[in-house]
Amino acid sequence: MLNILKSKAMAVGAWDTMIYMIDIPYCKEMRLLGASFTRTVTQSGDVSWARLTVKGRALARDVYGSDLCLIHRIQ
């Protein structure tokens, strides 16, 4: 059974958002298994990589600020 309250639809490419399929609302962006999807592949890649780089930089800042020797920082 499809739960319409938990479902989302996304218009990909030139899809007309005025056409409703079983009353599921359209969204401009959705996340699925941690990856972001948008209307184009380029935007999807940009959004996904932006989130990953922000997380990576935050982790690097945390490690840089901690009191570790050089070997432990490299690990």
N, C-alpha and C. Protein backbone atom coordinates (compact mmCIF):
# COMPACT_ATOMS: atom_id res chain seq x y z
N MET A 1 0.84 -1.18 0.00
CA MET A 1 0.00 0.00 0.00
C MET A 1 0.89 1.25 0.00
N LEU A 2 0.52 2.18 -0.80
CA LEU A 2 1.24 3.45 -0.89
C LEU A 2 0.68 4.42 0.13
N ASN A 3 1.53 4.95 0.99
CA ASN A 3 1.11 5.94 1.97
C ASN A 3 1.31 7.32 1.36
N ILE A 4 0.25 7.96 0.95
CA ILE A 4 0.32 9.26 0.28
C ILE A 4 0.86 10.34 1.22
N LEU A 5 0.62 10.22 2.51
CA LEU A 5 1.09 11.23 3.47
C LEU A 5 2.61 11.21 3.63
N LYS A 6 3.24 10.07 3.39
CA LYS A 6 4.70 9.96 3.53
C LYS A 6 5.41 10.02 2.19
N SER A 7 4.68 10.05 1.09
CA SER A 7 5.29 10.00 -0.23
C SER A 7 5.55 11.38 -0.79
N LYS A 8 6.56 11.49 -1.65
CA LYS A 8 6.90 12.73 -2.34
C LYS A 8 7.10 12.42 -3.81
N ALA A 9 6.85 13.41 -4.64
CA ALA A 9 7.12 13.29 -6.07
C ALA A 9 8.05 14.42 -6.46
N MET A 10 8.91 14.16 -7.44
CA MET A 10 9.82 15.20 -7.90
C MET A 10 9.75 15.24 -9.42
N ALA A 11 9.56 16.44 -9.95
CA ALA A 11 9.51 16.63 -11.39
C ALA A 11 10.94 16.69 -11.91
N VAL A 12 11.32 15.75 -12.75
CA VAL A 12 12.67 15.68 -13.29
C VAL A 12 12.65 16.16 -14.73
N GLY A 13 13.60 17.04 -15.07
CA GLY A 13 13.67 17.55 -16.44
C GLY A 13 12.54 18.51 -16.74
N ALA A 14 11.85 18.28 -17.84
CA ALA A 14 10.80 19.19 -18.29
C ALA A 14 9.41 18.71 -17.87
N TRP A 15 9.31 17.92 -16.84
CA TRP A 15 8.03 17.40 -16.39
C TRP A 15 7.13 18.53 -15.93
N ASP A 16 5.85 18.47 -16.29
CA ASP A 16 4.88 19.50 -15.94
C ASP A 16 4.37 19.23 -14.52
N THR A 17 4.63 20.17 -13.60
CA THR A 17 4.20 19.98 -12.21
C THR A 17 2.72 20.25 -12.01
N MET A 18 2.03 20.68 -13.03
CA MET A 18 0.59 20.89 -12.93
C MET A 18 -0.17 19.56 -13.01
N ILE A 19 0.50 18.51 -13.46
CA ILE A 19 -0.12 17.19 -13.55
C ILE A 19 0.14 16.46 -12.23
N TYR A 20 -0.91 16.18 -11.48
CA TYR A 20 -0.76 15.48 -10.20
C TYR A 20 -1.02 14.00 -10.37
N MET A 21 -0.16 13.21 -9.81
CA MET A 21 -0.30 11.76 -9.83
C MET A 21 -0.78 11.32 -8.45
N ILE A 22 -1.93 10.79 -8.34
CA ILE A 22 -2.56 10.30 -7.11
C ILE A 22 -2.37 11.25 -5.92
N ASP A 23 -2.47 12.53 -6.18
CA ASP A 23 -2.45 13.58 -5.15
C ASP A 23 -1.19 13.60 -4.29
N ILE A 24 -0.07 13.22 -4.84
CA ILE A 24 1.21 13.30 -4.12
C ILE A 24 1.83 14.65 -4.46
N PRO A 25 2.21 15.45 -3.45
CA PRO A 25 2.77 16.78 -3.72
C PRO A 25 4.18 16.70 -4.31
N TYR A 26 4.50 17.66 -5.16
CA TYR A 26 5.83 17.75 -5.76
C TYR A 26 6.77 18.51 -4.82
N CYS A 27 8.03 18.13 -4.84
CA CYS A 27 9.05 18.85 -4.08
C CYS A 27 10.20 19.16 -5.03
N LYS A 28 11.00 20.17 -4.70
CA LYS A 28 12.11 20.58 -5.56
C LYS A 28 13.38 19.80 -5.27
N GLU A 29 13.47 19.28 -4.06
CA GLU A 29 14.66 18.52 -3.67
C GLU A 29 14.25 17.42 -2.70
N MET A 30 14.88 16.26 -2.81
CA MET A 30 14.61 15.20 -1.84
C MET A 30 15.91 14.45 -1.55
N ARG A 31 15.95 13.89 -0.36
CA ARG A 31 17.11 13.10 0.04
C ARG A 31 16.70 11.64 0.10
N LEU A 32 17.55 10.81 -0.46
CA LEU A 32 17.30 9.38 -0.48
C LEU A 32 18.61 8.68 -0.16
N LEU A 33 18.64 7.97 0.95
CA LEU A 33 19.84 7.27 1.42
C LEU A 33 21.03 8.22 1.55
N GLY A 34 20.79 9.44 2.00
CA GLY A 34 21.85 10.41 2.23
C GLY A 34 22.26 11.23 1.03
N ALA A 35 21.79 10.89 -0.15
CA ALA A 35 22.12 11.64 -1.36
C ALA A 35 20.97 12.59 -1.69
N SER A 36 21.31 13.78 -2.15
CA SER A 36 20.31 14.76 -2.53
C SER A 36 20.01 14.66 -4.01
N PHE A 37 18.74 14.74 -4.34
CA PHE A 37 18.31 14.71 -5.73
C PHE A 37 17.51 15.96 -6.04
N THR A 38 17.82 16.58 -7.18
CA THR A 38 17.09 17.75 -7.65
C THR A 38 16.67 17.50 -9.10
N ARG A 39 16.22 18.57 -9.77
CA ARG A 39 15.72 18.40 -11.13
C ARG A 39 16.80 18.06 -12.14
N THR A 40 18.05 18.44 -11.89
CA THR A 40 19.12 18.15 -12.83
C THR A 40 20.25 17.39 -12.13
N VAL A 41 21.04 16.70 -12.90
CA VAL A 41 22.16 15.93 -12.36
C VAL A 41 23.21 16.87 -11.79
N THR A 42 23.46 17.98 -12.46
CA THR A 42 24.47 18.94 -12.00
C THR A 42 24.10 19.50 -10.63
N GLN A 43 22.85 19.93 -10.46
CA GLN A 43 22.42 20.46 -9.17
C GLN A 43 22.47 19.38 -8.09
N SER A 44 22.09 18.16 -8.43
CA SER A 44 22.13 17.08 -7.46
C SER A 44 23.54 16.83 -6.97
N GLY A 45 24.50 16.81 -7.88
CA GLY A 45 25.89 16.62 -7.50
C GLY A 45 26.42 17.75 -6.65
N ASP A 46 26.08 18.98 -7.05
CA ASP A 46 26.54 20.15 -6.29
C ASP A 46 26.01 20.13 -4.86
N VAL A 47 24.72 19.84 -4.69
CA VAL A 47 24.12 19.83 -3.36
C VAL A 47 24.70 18.70 -2.51
N SER A 48 24.84 17.51 -3.09
CA SER A 48 25.37 16.38 -2.33
C SER A 48 26.82 16.62 -1.91
N TRP A 49 27.65 17.11 -2.83
CA TRP A 49 29.06 17.36 -2.50
C TRP A 49 29.21 18.52 -1.52
N ALA A 50 28.35 19.51 -1.61
CA ALA A 50 28.42 20.62 -0.67
C ALA A 50 28.18 20.13 0.76
N ARG A 51 27.20 19.27 0.94
CA ARG A 51 26.93 18.72 2.28
C ARG A 51 28.11 17.89 2.79
N LEU A 52 28.69 17.08 1.91
CA LEU A 52 29.82 16.24 2.32
C LEU A 52 31.04 17.07 2.68
N THR A 53 31.33 18.10 1.90
CA THR A 53 32.51 18.92 2.20
C THR A 53 32.32 19.72 3.48
N VAL A 54 31.10 20.16 3.75
CA VAL A 54 30.85 20.89 5.01
C VAL A 54 31.10 19.96 6.19
N LYS A 55 30.61 18.73 6.09
CA LYS A 55 30.84 17.77 7.18
C LYS A 55 32.32 17.44 7.33
N GLY A 56 33.02 17.25 6.22
CA GLY A 56 34.45 16.95 6.27
C GLY A 56 35.26 18.08 6.87
N ARG A 57 34.92 19.30 6.49
CA ARG A 57 35.63 20.45 7.06
C ARG A 57 35.37 20.58 8.56
N ALA A 58 34.14 20.32 8.98
CA ALA A 58 33.82 20.41 10.41
C ALA A 58 34.60 19.36 11.20
N LEU A 59 34.70 18.15 10.66
CA LEU A 59 35.48 17.11 11.33
C LEU A 59 36.96 17.49 11.39
N ALA A 60 37.49 18.06 10.32
CA ALA A 60 38.90 18.46 10.29
C ALA A 60 39.16 19.57 11.31
N ARG A 61 38.22 20.51 11.43
CA ARG A 61 38.38 21.59 12.42
C ARG A 61 38.39 21.03 13.84
N ASP A 62 37.53 20.05 14.10
CA ASP A 62 37.49 19.46 15.44
C ASP A 62 38.80 18.76 15.78
N VAL A 63 39.34 18.01 14.84
CA VAL A 63 40.59 17.30 15.07
C VAL A 63 41.75 18.29 15.19
N TYR A 64 41.75 19.33 14.36
CA TYR A 64 42.82 20.31 14.40
C TYR A 64 42.87 21.02 15.75
N GLY A 65 41.71 21.26 16.34
CA GLY A 65 41.66 21.95 17.62
C GLY A 65 41.99 21.08 18.81
N SER A 66 41.99 19.77 18.63
CA SER A 66 42.27 18.89 19.76
C SER A 66 43.77 18.80 20.02
N ASP A 67 44.10 18.38 21.21
CA ASP A 67 45.50 18.30 21.62
C ASP A 67 46.05 16.91 21.31
N LEU A 68 46.41 16.70 20.04
CA LEU A 68 46.95 15.41 19.60
C LEU A 68 48.34 15.61 19.01
N CYS A 69 49.14 14.55 19.07
CA CYS A 69 50.44 14.62 18.43
C CYS A 69 50.25 14.47 16.92
N LEU A 70 51.29 14.71 16.15
CA LEU A 70 51.20 14.72 14.69
C LEU A 70 50.74 13.37 14.14
N ILE A 71 51.22 12.29 14.69
CA ILE A 71 50.86 10.96 14.20
C ILE A 71 49.37 10.70 14.38
N HIS A 72 48.82 11.06 15.54
CA HIS A 72 47.41 10.86 15.78
C HIS A 72 46.54 11.78 14.91
N ARG A 73 47.01 12.98 14.61
CA ARG A 73 46.27 13.87 13.72
C ARG A 73 46.21 13.30 12.32
N ILE A 74 47.29 12.73 11.85
CA ILE A 74 47.33 12.14 10.50
C ILE A 74 46.38 10.96 10.42
N GLN A 75 46.33 10.15 11.48
CA GLN A 75 45.43 8.99 11.47
C GLN A 75 44.00 9.46 11.47
